[in-house]
Amino acid sequence: MKLKHLLIATFILVTALPLFIGLYSLNSYTGVQYREQVKSNLSAISQIAKLRILAGVERANDNVAQIASRTQLRRSLALWNSTHEARHREQIIRIINDAAIDRSYLKSIGVFDHQGQFVAATHGFEKLDSLASAQFEDRPIRLEQHDETVQLSRVAPLLLDGRLTGYVKVDFSTQFLNQLVRDRTGLGQSGEWLVAIQNNDGNALFATPLKYDPKAAFTRTVAFTEDTVPIIQALSGNELVLEQSPDYRGVPVLASTRYIDQLDWGLVAKIDESEVNAMVHANRSVIYAAELGIVLMAVIVGVGLSIYISQPIENLKTYIEKVTHEGDLSDPPRVTRGWQEVRELTAHFSYMMHTLRTLNENLQEKIEERTAELTKANALLEKTANQDPLTNLFNRRFFTLRFEQELDRSSRYGCLFALVLIDIDYFKQINDKWGHDMGDEVLKEVARFLLASSRSSDLVARIGGEEFCILIPECEQDKVIVYLERLRCDLTELNFTAKETLFTVSASFGVAFYQPGMLSGKVLLKQADEALYDAKNAGRNRVCIYQGQFHT
């Protein structure tokens, strides 16, 4: 065997074959990692979608809370309950029509008396003879079908002086849900979103149109016994990523399931397994082509190098034969090139590996950048869920959480804290006289004033239309009263200008103090509300302290 052939065979066995095996193993590993990346991205976008739904529902809850907090509505309904005079019903209609103006996604409002009988409603409300309020006790917000469309309905009780005067039922458009299911970014060509609830039979009932069945909303169901279907797993409270799981069409899919506990909804983001496999195979094909090119290049370079190494030896052999047979004593051929080409080949290979490392680093940077974007989006959603969008104060939801925590801490350690309810006097007149834009400016300025006048440990929140609250922990009763009187006086010195007219505002304060043995936060809220009511009845622009006896 010639040296040239031996070098070629040795180079292929020692270099090209191990290179092929190593790249093949790398390709297999890359395929697995690519699939894991798809699963991770699917789980991330399903979590974001869940937070978007909760944010939309929270906006609806805020709107209902603002409507239910209207004192005039509750008073007019109480008068209707006792007299059934038409003028009280007309007043209720005017109030709810005014409340429905400029509210995002709000469709209609219906009011029912304390016995659940229909009283009045805005245009487009599906009239009910009576309201079975018990069906909303566990889930006060739910999806309903009305005129072949799906709507989000929320029922809230109306209380006046601690007594039930009736109920308000507010219906919202599910446009935010439809926008979510139509936006299939990150779900490929075959992916889709599924949102479902449980019907009376306990089966999964789709609440939105489906990509492959646009008329599925409140018509198509999946039996709850089909526990391998992703939407059933979601409604069962399981949040996981399923592989090769059949969807409602029986097609294997890769799916991420989410359970929205507050609403008892199931949410699924899915992609057909055929598309995922096609993407993995396409990625592998590219790497296979690159591997084949690398190996072919290595073989060609090896053959060339083998020839290049053996050629000077063959030339020397020819020269010796000529000397032996012909006696030619001329100078032997000069070897001007040699192992430098081997070093150049090594440099090229090193450059190739450097390129692969650079590609891997760029991929890692993109993954980290995507993770940072998702973290920022989650932080923004969390902030939106806890903050009032107009005043930037904490909203009613966050206040409720902090109030329960403070009540628990005070009951354990015996700490005194105060709950202050603040209502801007004659706020409706400001809106009627100067417009809602001026009303919003008053709310924002009062919010800035309250926040600037409070301690860092105090919690200032907006819990209704013109209603604020301050939670003052670890305080002394006499000092709180002095502080609130100063706060009330300073508030009246705020100046506002509308249409070249200078005006001021005032507010009524209702205060209740936590007392040892008080186990229910509802009692303290009721006491503060009664104190606020006393302040308004006494002429407004004053601070009233609850003086009655508390009951646990």
Protein backbone atom coordinates (compact mmCIF):
# COMPACT_ATOMS: atom_id res chain seq x y z
CA MET A 1 0.00 0.00 0.00
CA LYS A 2 1.33 3.39 -0.95
CA LEU A 3 2.01 5.96 1.73
CA LYS A 4 -0.56 8.29 0.13
CA HIS A 5 -3.33 5.69 0.45
CA LEU A 6 -2.29 4.80 3.99
CA LEU A 7 -2.39 8.45 5.06
CA ILE A 8 -5.84 8.92 3.50
CA ALA A 9 -7.27 5.84 5.24
CA THR A 10 -5.64 6.76 8.56
CA PHE A 11 -6.95 10.37 8.41
CA ILE A 12 -10.51 9.21 7.67
CA LEU A 13 -10.48 6.65 10.52
CA VAL A 14 -8.74 8.84 13.08
CA THR A 15 -10.31 12.25 12.27
CA ALA A 16 -13.35 12.20 9.96
CA LEU A 17 -15.21 9.24 11.54
CA PRO A 18 -15.01 10.49 15.21
CA LEU A 19 -15.99 13.97 14.00
CA PHE A 20 -19.12 12.56 12.37
CA ILE A 21 -20.08 10.57 15.49
CA GLY A 22 -19.56 13.59 17.77
CA LEU A 23 -21.61 15.91 15.57
CA TYR A 24 -24.36 13.28 15.30
CA SER A 25 -24.57 13.10 19.11
CA LEU A 26 -24.61 16.89 19.29
CA ASN A 27 -27.46 16.94 16.77
CA SER A 28 -29.53 14.51 18.85
CA TYR A 29 -28.96 16.60 21.98
CA THR A 30 -29.86 19.80 20.12
CA GLY A 31 -33.17 18.25 19.00
CA VAL A 32 -34.10 17.44 22.59
CA GLN A 33 -33.12 20.92 23.76
CA TYR A 34 -35.13 22.55 20.98
CA ARG A 35 -38.25 20.65 22.05
CA GLU A 36 -37.66 21.66 25.68
CA GLN A 37 -37.39 25.27 24.55
CA VAL A 38 -40.75 25.02 22.76
CA LYS A 39 -42.32 23.60 25.95
CA SER A 40 -40.78 26.37 28.06
CA ASN A 41 -42.03 29.11 25.71
CA LEU A 42 -45.51 27.54 25.65
CA SER A 43 -45.64 27.48 29.45
CA ALA A 44 -44.46 31.10 29.66
CA ILE A 45 -47.04 32.51 27.23
CA SER A 46 -49.84 30.54 28.91
CA GLN A 47 -48.87 32.11 32.26
CA ILE A 48 -48.92 35.58 30.68
CA ALA A 49 -52.35 34.84 29.16
CA LYS A 50 -53.64 33.77 32.58
CA LEU A 51 -52.47 37.07 34.09
CA ARG A 52 -54.08 39.00 31.21
CA ILE A 53 -57.42 37.28 31.91
CA LEU A 54 -57.15 38.02 35.64
CA ALA A 55 -56.34 41.66 34.87
CA GLY A 56 -59.40 41.93 32.60
CA VAL A 57 -61.66 40.38 35.23
CA GLU A 58 -60.17 42.65 37.91
CA ARG A 59 -61.06 45.68 35.77
CA ALA A 60 -64.63 44.37 35.60
CA ASN A 61 -64.69 43.88 39.40
CA ASP A 62 -63.43 47.46 39.90
CA ASN A 63 -66.19 48.81 37.64
CA VAL A 64 -68.85 46.85 39.55
CA ALA A 65 -67.43 48.03 42.89
CA GLN A 66 -67.58 51.65 41.73
CA ILE A 67 -71.20 51.24 40.60
CA ALA A 68 -72.24 49.44 43.82
CA SER A 69 -70.57 52.15 45.93
CA ARG A 70 -72.89 54.89 44.66
CA THR A 71 -74.79 56.02 47.74
CA GLN A 72 -77.63 57.64 45.79
CA LEU A 73 -78.29 54.37 43.95
CA ARG A 74 -78.59 52.46 47.22
CA ARG A 75 -80.82 55.12 48.77
CA SER A 76 -83.11 55.30 45.74
CA LEU A 77 -83.43 51.51 45.74
CA ALA A 78 -84.26 51.50 49.46
CA LEU A 79 -87.02 54.07 48.80
CA TRP A 80 -88.30 51.95 45.91
CA ASN A 81 -88.44 48.88 48.19
CA SER A 82 -90.65 50.71 50.66
CA THR A 83 -92.86 52.82 48.30
CA HIS A 84 -92.58 51.44 44.72
CA GLU A 85 -93.03 54.98 43.44
CA ALA A 86 -92.13 55.51 39.78
CA ARG A 87 -89.94 58.54 40.54
CA HIS A 88 -87.53 56.38 42.53
CA ARG A 89 -87.30 53.91 39.69
CA GLU A 90 -86.63 56.77 37.24
CA GLN A 91 -83.88 58.03 39.56
CA ILE A 92 -82.33 54.54 39.56
CA ILE A 93 -82.40 54.46 35.74
CA ARG A 94 -80.66 57.86 35.56
CA ILE A 95 -77.95 56.73 37.98
CA ILE A 96 -77.12 53.46 36.20
CA ASN A 97 -77.19 55.12 32.76
CA ASP A 98 -74.71 57.69 34.09
CA ALA A 99 -72.58 54.88 35.58
CA ALA A 100 -72.48 53.02 32.25
CA ILE A 101 -70.88 55.95 30.39
CA ASP A 102 -67.24 55.57 29.29
CA ARG A 103 -66.64 52.20 30.97
CA SER A 104 -64.48 49.81 28.98
CA TYR A 105 -66.27 46.67 27.74
CA LEU A 106 -69.39 47.39 29.88
CA LYS A 107 -72.56 46.27 28.05
CA SER A 108 -75.46 46.79 30.44
CA ILE A 109 -76.52 47.19 34.08
CA GLY A 110 -79.55 45.68 35.82
CA VAL A 111 -80.87 46.48 39.31
CA PHE A 112 -82.95 44.12 41.47
CA ASP A 113 -84.68 44.73 44.80
CA HIS A 114 -83.86 43.02 48.09
CA GLN A 115 -86.06 40.06 47.11
CA GLY A 116 -84.29 39.60 43.79
CA GLN A 117 -87.16 41.09 41.72
CA PHE A 118 -86.26 43.16 38.63
CA VAL A 119 -86.42 46.94 39.08
CA ALA A 120 -84.61 48.72 36.23
CA ALA A 121 -81.84 48.29 33.65
CA THR A 122 -79.87 50.08 30.96
CA HIS A 123 -80.43 49.46 27.27
CA GLY A 124 -79.50 45.97 26.07
CA PHE A 125 -79.88 44.24 29.44
CA GLU A 126 -81.39 40.75 29.28
CA LYS A 127 -84.42 41.27 31.49
CA LEU A 128 -84.90 38.74 34.29
CA ASP A 129 -88.11 38.55 36.31
CA SER A 130 -86.06 37.66 39.36
CA LEU A 131 -82.42 37.15 40.26
CA ALA A 132 -81.36 33.89 41.88
CA SER A 133 -78.57 35.55 43.85
CA ALA A 134 -77.52 32.29 45.49
CA GLN A 135 -76.06 31.06 42.23
CA PHE A 136 -73.49 33.87 42.40
CA GLU A 137 -72.38 33.34 46.01
CA ASP A 138 -69.51 30.92 45.23
CA ARG A 139 -68.57 32.51 41.90
CA PRO A 140 -69.91 36.09 41.81
CA ILE A 141 -68.46 36.57 38.34
CA ARG A 142 -69.28 34.15 35.53
CA LEU A 143 -69.67 33.72 31.77
CA GLU A 144 -73.17 33.68 30.26
CA GLN A 145 -74.67 33.42 26.78
CA HIS A 146 -76.94 36.23 25.62
CA ASP A 147 -78.31 36.68 22.07
CA GLU A 148 -75.84 34.11 20.70
CA THR A 149 -72.94 36.03 22.23
CA VAL A 150 -70.93 35.36 25.38
CA GLN A 151 -70.81 37.97 28.12
CA LEU A 152 -69.09 38.32 31.50
CA SER A 153 -71.61 38.90 34.31
CA ARG A 154 -70.96 40.13 37.87
CA VAL A 155 -73.57 40.34 40.62
CA ALA A 156 -72.93 42.46 43.71
CA PRO A 157 -75.17 43.17 46.73
CA LEU A 158 -76.22 46.75 47.49
CA LEU A 159 -76.03 47.63 51.18
CA LEU A 160 -77.27 50.73 52.93
CA ASP A 161 -76.57 51.21 56.61
CA GLY A 162 -75.58 47.57 56.83
CA ARG A 163 -78.90 46.37 55.38
CA LEU A 164 -79.43 44.65 52.04
CA THR A 165 -81.39 46.91 49.68
CA GLY A 166 -80.95 44.86 46.51
CA TYR A 167 -78.51 43.65 43.89
CA VAL A 168 -76.80 45.05 40.83
CA LYS A 169 -75.95 42.80 37.89
CA VAL A 170 -73.38 44.17 35.42
CA ASP A 171 -72.72 42.53 32.05
CA PHE A 172 -69.41 43.02 30.23
CA SER A 173 -68.27 42.21 26.72
CA THR A 174 -65.79 39.32 26.43
CA GLN A 175 -63.84 41.19 23.78
CA PHE A 176 -60.65 40.89 25.85
CA LEU A 177 -61.05 37.09 25.81
CA ASN A 178 -61.73 37.03 22.06
CA GLN A 179 -58.66 39.21 21.46
CA LEU A 180 -56.59 36.72 23.44
CA VAL A 181 -57.76 33.65 21.50
CA ARG A 182 -57.30 35.45 18.17
CA ASP A 183 -53.73 36.46 18.99
CA ARG A 184 -51.83 33.22 18.40
CA THR A 185 -48.36 34.73 18.56
CA GLY A 186 -45.91 32.03 19.61
CA LEU A 187 -48.34 29.18 18.79
CA GLY A 188 -47.19 28.49 15.24
CA GLN A 189 -49.55 27.68 12.37
CA SER A 190 -51.63 25.00 14.12
CA GLY A 191 -51.75 26.39 17.68
CA GLU A 192 -54.74 27.91 19.43
CA TRP A 193 -56.05 29.07 22.80
CA LEU A 194 -58.83 27.25 24.66
CA VAL A 195 -60.94 28.79 27.44
CA ALA A 196 -63.58 26.60 29.10
CA ILE A 197 -65.88 26.40 32.11
CA GLN A 198 -67.84 23.54 33.65
CA ASN A 199 -71.51 23.25 32.66
CA ASN A 200 -74.30 21.88 34.84
CA ASP A 201 -73.41 18.31 33.81
CA GLY A 202 -69.83 18.78 35.01
CA ASN A 203 -68.39 18.65 31.48
CA ALA A 204 -66.03 21.17 29.91
CA LEU A 205 -67.94 23.87 27.98
CA PHE A 206 -65.89 26.06 25.64
CA ALA A 207 -66.46 29.76 26.37
CA THR A 208 -64.81 31.26 23.26
CA PRO A 209 -64.72 30.46 19.53
CA LEU A 210 -62.18 27.83 18.48
CA LYS A 211 -59.80 28.03 15.56
CA TYR A 212 -61.20 24.83 14.10
CA ASP A 213 -64.80 25.48 15.26
CA PRO A 214 -65.71 29.21 15.23
CA LYS A 215 -69.21 28.46 16.61
CA ALA A 216 -67.98 26.43 19.58
CA ALA A 217 -68.67 29.09 22.25
CA PHE A 218 -71.28 27.71 24.68
CA THR A 219 -72.13 24.90 22.24
CA ARG A 220 -69.22 22.45 22.18
CA THR A 221 -68.37 20.33 25.21
CA VAL A 222 -65.82 17.71 26.24
CA ALA A 223 -66.84 14.96 28.67
CA PHE A 224 -65.05 15.25 32.01
CA THR A 225 -64.28 11.52 31.86
CA GLU A 226 -61.80 12.20 29.02
CA ASP A 227 -59.06 13.08 31.49
CA THR A 228 -56.28 12.90 28.89
CA VAL A 229 -57.67 15.94 27.04
CA PRO A 230 -55.72 19.11 28.05
CA ILE A 231 -58.82 21.24 28.75
CA ILE A 232 -60.07 18.62 31.25
CA GLN A 233 -56.67 18.68 32.99
CA ALA A 234 -56.90 22.48 33.19
CA LEU A 235 -60.41 22.42 34.73
CA SER A 236 -59.18 19.77 37.19
CA GLY A 237 -56.72 22.34 38.58
CA ASN A 238 -53.58 20.81 37.02
CA GLU A 239 -51.03 23.28 35.60
CA LEU A 240 -48.56 21.29 33.52
CA VAL A 241 -47.17 20.73 30.02
CA LEU A 242 -48.65 17.70 28.24
CA GLU A 243 -47.02 15.86 25.33
CA GLN A 244 -48.79 13.64 22.79
CA SER A 245 -52.11 14.48 24.46
CA PRO A 246 -55.29 14.36 22.31
CA ASP A 247 -57.18 17.63 22.05
CA TYR A 248 -60.93 18.06 21.50
CA ARG A 249 -60.42 16.92 17.84
CA GLY A 250 -58.51 13.82 18.87
CA VAL A 251 -55.28 15.23 17.36
CA PRO A 252 -52.07 14.77 19.41
CA VAL A 253 -50.87 18.13 20.71
CA LEU A 254 -48.21 19.71 22.91
CA ALA A 255 -50.21 21.73 25.46
CA SER A 256 -49.68 23.96 28.51
CA THR A 257 -52.66 23.94 30.93
CA ARG A 258 -53.59 26.66 33.43
CA TYR A 259 -56.34 26.75 36.06
CA ILE A 260 -57.80 30.12 37.03
CA ASP A 261 -58.93 29.33 40.57
CA GLN A 262 -60.66 32.65 41.21
CA LEU A 263 -63.04 32.01 38.29
CA ASP A 264 -63.01 28.18 38.02
CA TRP A 265 -61.92 28.53 34.37
CA GLY A 266 -59.56 26.33 32.40
CA LEU A 267 -57.00 27.81 29.97
CA VAL A 268 -54.94 25.85 27.44
CA ALA A 269 -52.25 26.93 24.95
CA LYS A 270 -51.50 24.15 22.45
CA ILE A 271 -49.64 23.31 19.25
CA ASP A 272 -50.16 20.22 17.11
CA GLU A 273 -47.42 17.64 17.72
CA SER A 274 -47.02 17.28 13.96
CA GLU A 275 -45.95 20.94 13.71
CA VAL A 276 -43.59 20.65 16.70
CA ASN A 277 -42.00 17.53 15.21
CA ALA A 278 -41.73 19.24 11.83
CA MET A 279 -39.89 22.17 13.44
CA VAL A 280 -37.55 19.77 15.27
CA HIS A 281 -36.91 17.78 12.10
CA ALA A 282 -36.30 20.95 10.09
CA ASN A 283 -33.80 22.09 12.70
CA ARG A 284 -32.12 18.68 12.60
CA SER A 285 -32.00 18.71 8.78
CA VAL A 286 -30.11 21.98 8.84
CA ILE A 287 -27.62 20.57 11.34
CA TYR A 288 -27.31 17.31 9.37
CA ALA A 289 -26.51 19.30 6.22
CA ALA A 290 -23.90 21.29 8.14
CA GLU A 291 -22.43 18.05 9.51
CA LEU A 292 -22.22 16.49 6.08
CA GLY A 293 -20.54 19.59 4.69
CA ILE A 294 -18.04 19.63 7.58
CA VAL A 295 -17.18 15.93 7.15
CA LEU A 296 -16.82 16.23 3.36
CA MET A 297 -14.59 19.23 3.80
CA ALA A 298 -12.48 17.30 6.33
CA VAL A 299 -12.11 14.34 3.91
CA ILE A 300 -11.13 16.59 1.01
CA VAL A 301 -8.60 18.43 3.17
CA GLY A 302 -7.28 15.09 4.47
CA VAL A 303 -6.85 13.66 0.98
CA GLY A 304 -5.16 16.83 -0.16
CA LEU A 305 -2.92 16.88 2.89
CA SER A 306 -2.05 13.21 2.42
CA ILE A 307 -1.12 13.85 -1.18
CA TYR A 308 0.76 16.95 -0.18
CA ILE A 309 2.76 15.05 2.48
CA SER A 310 3.48 12.04 0.25
CA GLN A 311 4.29 14.03 -2.88
CA PRO A 312 7.79 15.14 -1.76
CA ILE A 313 8.59 11.50 -0.89
CA GLU A 314 7.42 10.30 -4.32
CA ASN A 315 9.48 13.01 -5.99
CA LEU A 316 12.50 11.86 -4.01
CA LYS A 317 11.82 8.24 -5.04
CA THR A 318 11.73 9.27 -8.71
CA TYR A 319 14.92 11.19 -8.27
CA ILE A 320 16.64 8.11 -6.70
CA GLU A 321 15.44 5.89 -9.55
CA LYS A 322 16.84 8.31 -12.07
CA VAL A 323 20.16 8.37 -10.23
CA THR A 324 20.21 4.54 -10.04
CA HIS A 325 19.21 3.79 -13.61
CA GLU A 326 20.36 6.86 -15.47
CA GLY A 327 23.13 8.15 -13.22
CA ASP A 328 21.63 11.60 -13.15
CA LEU A 329 23.54 13.50 -10.40
CA SER A 330 21.55 16.72 -10.67
CA ASP A 331 20.27 18.46 -7.53
CA PRO A 332 17.22 16.80 -5.95
CA PRO A 333 13.94 18.70 -6.10
CA ARG A 334 13.58 21.29 -3.39
CA VAL A 335 10.78 20.91 -0.80
CA THR A 336 9.54 24.47 -0.38
CA ARG A 337 6.15 23.65 1.23
CA GLY A 338 5.32 21.28 4.05
CA TRP A 339 3.63 21.14 7.48
CA GLN A 340 2.49 24.76 7.38
CA GLU A 341 -0.66 23.60 5.51
CA VAL A 342 -1.41 21.25 8.41
CA ARG A 343 -1.24 24.20 10.81
CA GLU A 344 -3.50 26.21 8.52
CA LEU A 345 -6.02 23.37 8.48
CA THR A 346 -5.94 23.36 12.32
CA ALA A 347 -6.49 27.11 12.33
CA HIS A 348 -9.50 26.71 10.01
CA PHE A 349 -10.95 24.02 12.22
CA SER A 350 -10.41 26.19 15.29
CA TYR A 351 -12.17 29.04 13.51
CA MET A 352 -15.06 26.71 12.71
CA MET A 353 -15.41 25.72 16.39
CA HIS A 354 -15.17 29.38 17.41
CA THR A 355 -18.05 30.13 15.05
CA LEU A 356 -20.16 27.36 16.63
CA ARG A 357 -19.41 28.70 20.11
CA THR A 358 -20.36 32.22 19.00
CA LEU A 359 -23.66 30.93 17.63
CA ASN A 360 -24.37 29.14 20.95
CA GLU A 361 -23.54 32.27 22.98
CA ASN A 362 -25.86 34.37 20.80
CA LEU A 363 -28.63 31.82 21.34
CA GLN A 364 -28.09 31.96 25.12
CA GLU A 365 -28.21 35.78 25.05
CA LYS A 366 -31.52 35.66 23.18
CA ILE A 367 -32.94 33.24 25.76
CA GLU A 368 -31.83 35.53 28.62
CA GLU A 369 -33.26 38.57 26.81
CA ARG A 370 -36.58 36.76 26.36
CA THR A 371 -36.61 35.76 30.03
CA ALA A 372 -35.96 39.38 31.05
CA GLU A 373 -38.83 40.58 28.83
CA LEU A 374 -41.21 38.02 30.38
CA THR A 375 -40.11 39.03 33.90
CA LYS A 376 -40.75 42.69 33.06
CA ALA A 377 -44.18 41.85 31.60
CA ASN A 378 -45.12 39.84 34.73
CA ALA A 379 -44.02 42.72 36.98
CA LEU A 380 -46.12 45.18 34.92
CA LEU A 381 -49.18 42.89 35.11
CA GLU A 382 -48.75 42.50 38.88
CA LYS A 383 -48.50 46.28 39.30
CA THR A 384 -51.61 46.80 37.13
CA ALA A 385 -53.54 44.27 39.24
CA ASN A 386 -52.78 46.16 42.50
CA GLN A 387 -52.86 49.82 41.40
CA ASP A 388 -55.71 52.20 40.63
CA PRO A 389 -55.03 53.44 37.04
CA LEU A 390 -56.32 56.99 37.62
CA THR A 391 -54.72 57.99 40.93
CA ASN A 392 -51.82 55.48 41.09
CA LEU A 393 -52.93 54.62 44.63
CA PHE A 394 -53.47 51.03 45.68
CA ASN A 395 -56.85 49.67 44.59
CA ARG A 396 -59.57 47.92 46.57
CA ARG A 397 -58.14 44.48 45.86
CA PHE A 398 -54.74 45.31 47.40
CA PHE A 399 -56.40 47.17 50.30
CA THR A 400 -58.47 44.05 51.13
CA LEU A 401 -55.33 41.88 51.27
CA ARG A 402 -53.44 44.36 53.51
CA PHE A 403 -56.51 44.89 55.70
CA GLU A 404 -56.79 41.14 56.37
CA GLN A 405 -53.06 40.92 57.15
CA GLU A 406 -53.22 43.87 59.57
CA LEU A 407 -56.31 42.41 61.28
CA ASP A 408 -54.53 39.08 61.76
CA ARG A 409 -51.38 40.78 63.11
CA SER A 410 -53.37 42.96 65.51
CA SER A 411 -55.42 40.03 66.81
CA ARG A 412 -52.21 38.12 67.58
CA TYR A 413 -50.17 40.96 69.13
CA GLY A 414 -52.90 43.27 70.41
CA CYS A 415 -51.74 46.23 68.30
CA LEU A 416 -54.16 49.14 67.81
CA PHE A 417 -54.84 50.35 64.29
CA ALA A 418 -57.32 52.75 62.71
CA LEU A 419 -59.45 52.43 59.60
CA VAL A 420 -60.41 55.75 57.98
CA LEU A 421 -62.99 56.08 55.17
CA ILE A 422 -62.91 59.37 53.26
CA ASP A 423 -65.58 60.56 50.84
CA ILE A 424 -65.25 63.78 48.81
CA ASP A 425 -68.28 65.98 49.53
CA TYR A 426 -70.62 66.81 46.65
CA PHE A 427 -68.35 65.13 44.13
CA LYS A 428 -71.19 64.47 41.70
CA GLN A 429 -71.83 68.24 41.56
CA ILE A 430 -68.20 68.75 40.51
CA ASN A 431 -68.64 66.27 37.66
CA ASP A 432 -72.00 67.78 36.64
CA LYS A 433 -70.76 71.39 36.79
CA TRP A 434 -67.17 71.17 35.56
CA GLY A 435 -67.13 67.82 33.70
CA HIS A 436 -65.63 64.42 34.38
CA ASP A 437 -62.14 65.56 33.31
CA MET A 438 -62.14 68.10 36.13
CA GLY A 439 -63.54 65.43 38.45
CA ASP A 440 -60.59 63.18 37.55
CA GLU A 441 -58.16 66.04 38.30
CA VAL A 442 -59.78 66.51 41.73
CA LEU A 443 -59.44 62.79 42.45
CA LYS A 444 -55.77 62.75 41.41
CA GLU A 445 -54.90 65.88 43.43
CA VAL A 446 -56.71 64.59 46.53
CA ALA A 447 -54.87 61.26 46.10
CA ARG A 448 -51.49 63.05 45.90
CA PHE A 449 -52.41 65.12 48.97
CA LEU A 450 -53.42 62.07 51.05
CA LEU A 451 -50.32 60.14 50.04
CA ALA A 452 -48.00 63.06 50.84
CA SER A 453 -49.71 63.62 54.21
CA SER A 454 -49.47 60.00 55.38
CA ARG A 455 -46.68 58.02 57.02
CA SER A 456 -44.65 55.51 55.07
CA SER A 457 -46.23 52.73 57.16
CA ASP A 458 -49.78 53.88 56.38
CA LEU A 459 -51.74 52.43 53.46
CA VAL A 460 -53.64 54.90 51.27
CA ALA A 461 -56.03 53.37 48.70
CA ARG A 462 -58.87 54.33 46.43
CA ILE A 463 -61.77 51.92 47.02
CA GLY A 464 -64.57 53.56 45.07
CA GLY A 465 -65.48 56.42 42.75
CA GLU A 466 -64.79 59.30 45.15
CA GLU A 467 -64.08 57.18 48.20
CA PHE A 468 -60.62 56.71 49.70
CA CYS A 469 -59.38 54.90 52.77
CA ILE A 470 -56.34 55.11 55.05
CA LEU A 471 -55.13 52.18 57.13
CA ILE A 472 -53.07 53.49 60.09
CA PRO A 473 -51.26 50.72 61.99
CA GLU A 474 -49.69 50.96 65.46
CA CYS A 475 -51.30 54.27 66.41
CA GLU A 476 -52.70 56.13 69.42
CA GLN A 477 -56.35 57.13 69.24
CA ASP A 478 -56.01 60.75 70.38
CA LYS A 479 -53.09 61.40 68.00
CA VAL A 480 -55.03 59.91 65.09
CA ILE A 481 -57.97 62.23 65.77
CA VAL A 482 -55.66 65.29 65.84
CA TYR A 483 -53.97 64.11 62.63
CA LEU A 484 -57.27 63.61 60.81
CA GLU A 485 -58.61 67.01 61.86
CA ARG A 486 -55.45 68.65 60.52
CA LEU A 487 -55.78 66.56 57.35
CA ARG A 488 -59.40 67.65 56.90
CA CYS A 489 -58.53 71.33 57.33
CA ASP A 490 -55.53 71.15 54.99
CA LEU A 491 -57.67 69.43 52.36
CA THR A 492 -60.06 72.39 52.21
CA GLU A 493 -57.11 74.65 51.31
CA LEU A 494 -56.48 72.81 48.01
CA ASN A 495 -57.40 75.12 45.13
CA PHE A 496 -58.76 74.05 41.75
CA THR A 497 -59.43 76.15 38.67
CA ALA A 498 -62.04 75.31 36.05
CA LYS A 499 -63.21 77.71 33.34
CA GLU A 500 -61.30 80.55 35.07
CA THR A 501 -63.23 79.87 38.29
CA LEU A 502 -61.41 79.00 41.53
CA PHE A 503 -63.08 76.44 43.79
CA THR A 504 -62.19 74.19 46.74
CA VAL A 505 -63.37 70.82 47.98
CA SER A 506 -63.99 69.19 51.34
CA ALA A 507 -64.34 65.64 52.55
CA SER A 508 -66.15 63.65 55.22
CA PHE A 509 -64.14 61.25 57.41
CA GLY A 510 -65.42 58.08 59.11
CA VAL A 511 -63.01 56.47 61.64
CA ALA A 512 -63.12 53.16 63.47
CA PHE A 513 -60.44 51.66 65.73
CA TYR A 514 -59.56 48.01 66.09
CA GLN A 515 -60.34 46.68 69.54
CA PRO A 516 -58.97 43.50 71.13
CA GLY A 517 -61.30 40.56 70.55
CA MET A 518 -62.60 41.91 67.24
CA LEU A 519 -62.23 38.88 64.95
CA SER A 520 -64.06 40.01 61.83
CA GLY A 521 -62.82 42.71 59.48
CA LYS A 522 -66.41 43.25 58.29
CA VAL A 523 -67.29 44.62 61.72
CA LEU A 524 -64.56 47.26 61.56
CA LEU A 525 -65.49 48.20 57.98
CA LYS A 526 -69.12 48.54 58.99
CA GLN A 527 -68.18 50.77 61.96
CA ALA A 528 -66.06 53.05 59.77
CA ASP A 529 -68.87 53.21 57.18
CA GLU A 530 -71.41 54.14 59.88
CA ALA A 531 -69.08 56.85 61.14
CA LEU A 532 -68.76 58.20 57.59
CA TYR A 533 -72.53 58.17 57.27
CA ASP A 534 -72.81 60.15 60.53
CA ALA A 535 -70.29 62.69 59.21
CA LYS A 536 -72.36 63.26 56.07
CA ASN A 537 -75.64 63.47 57.98
CA ALA A 538 -74.09 65.98 60.37
CA GLY A 539 -73.32 68.37 57.49
CA ARG A 540 -70.20 66.92 55.85
CA ASN A 541 -66.64 68.30 56.09
CA ARG A 542 -66.04 66.75 59.47
CA VAL A 543 -64.40 63.78 61.20
CA CYS A 544 -66.69 61.32 62.98
CA ILE A 545 -65.41 58.56 65.27
CA TYR A 546 -67.46 55.41 65.70
CA GLN A 547 -68.79 55.49 69.27
CA GLY A 548 -71.02 52.39 69.41
CA GLN A 549 -70.38 48.89 70.77
CA PHE A 550 -68.61 46.37 68.54
CA HIS A 551 -69.78 42.80 67.99
CA THR A 552 -67.50 39.93 66.98
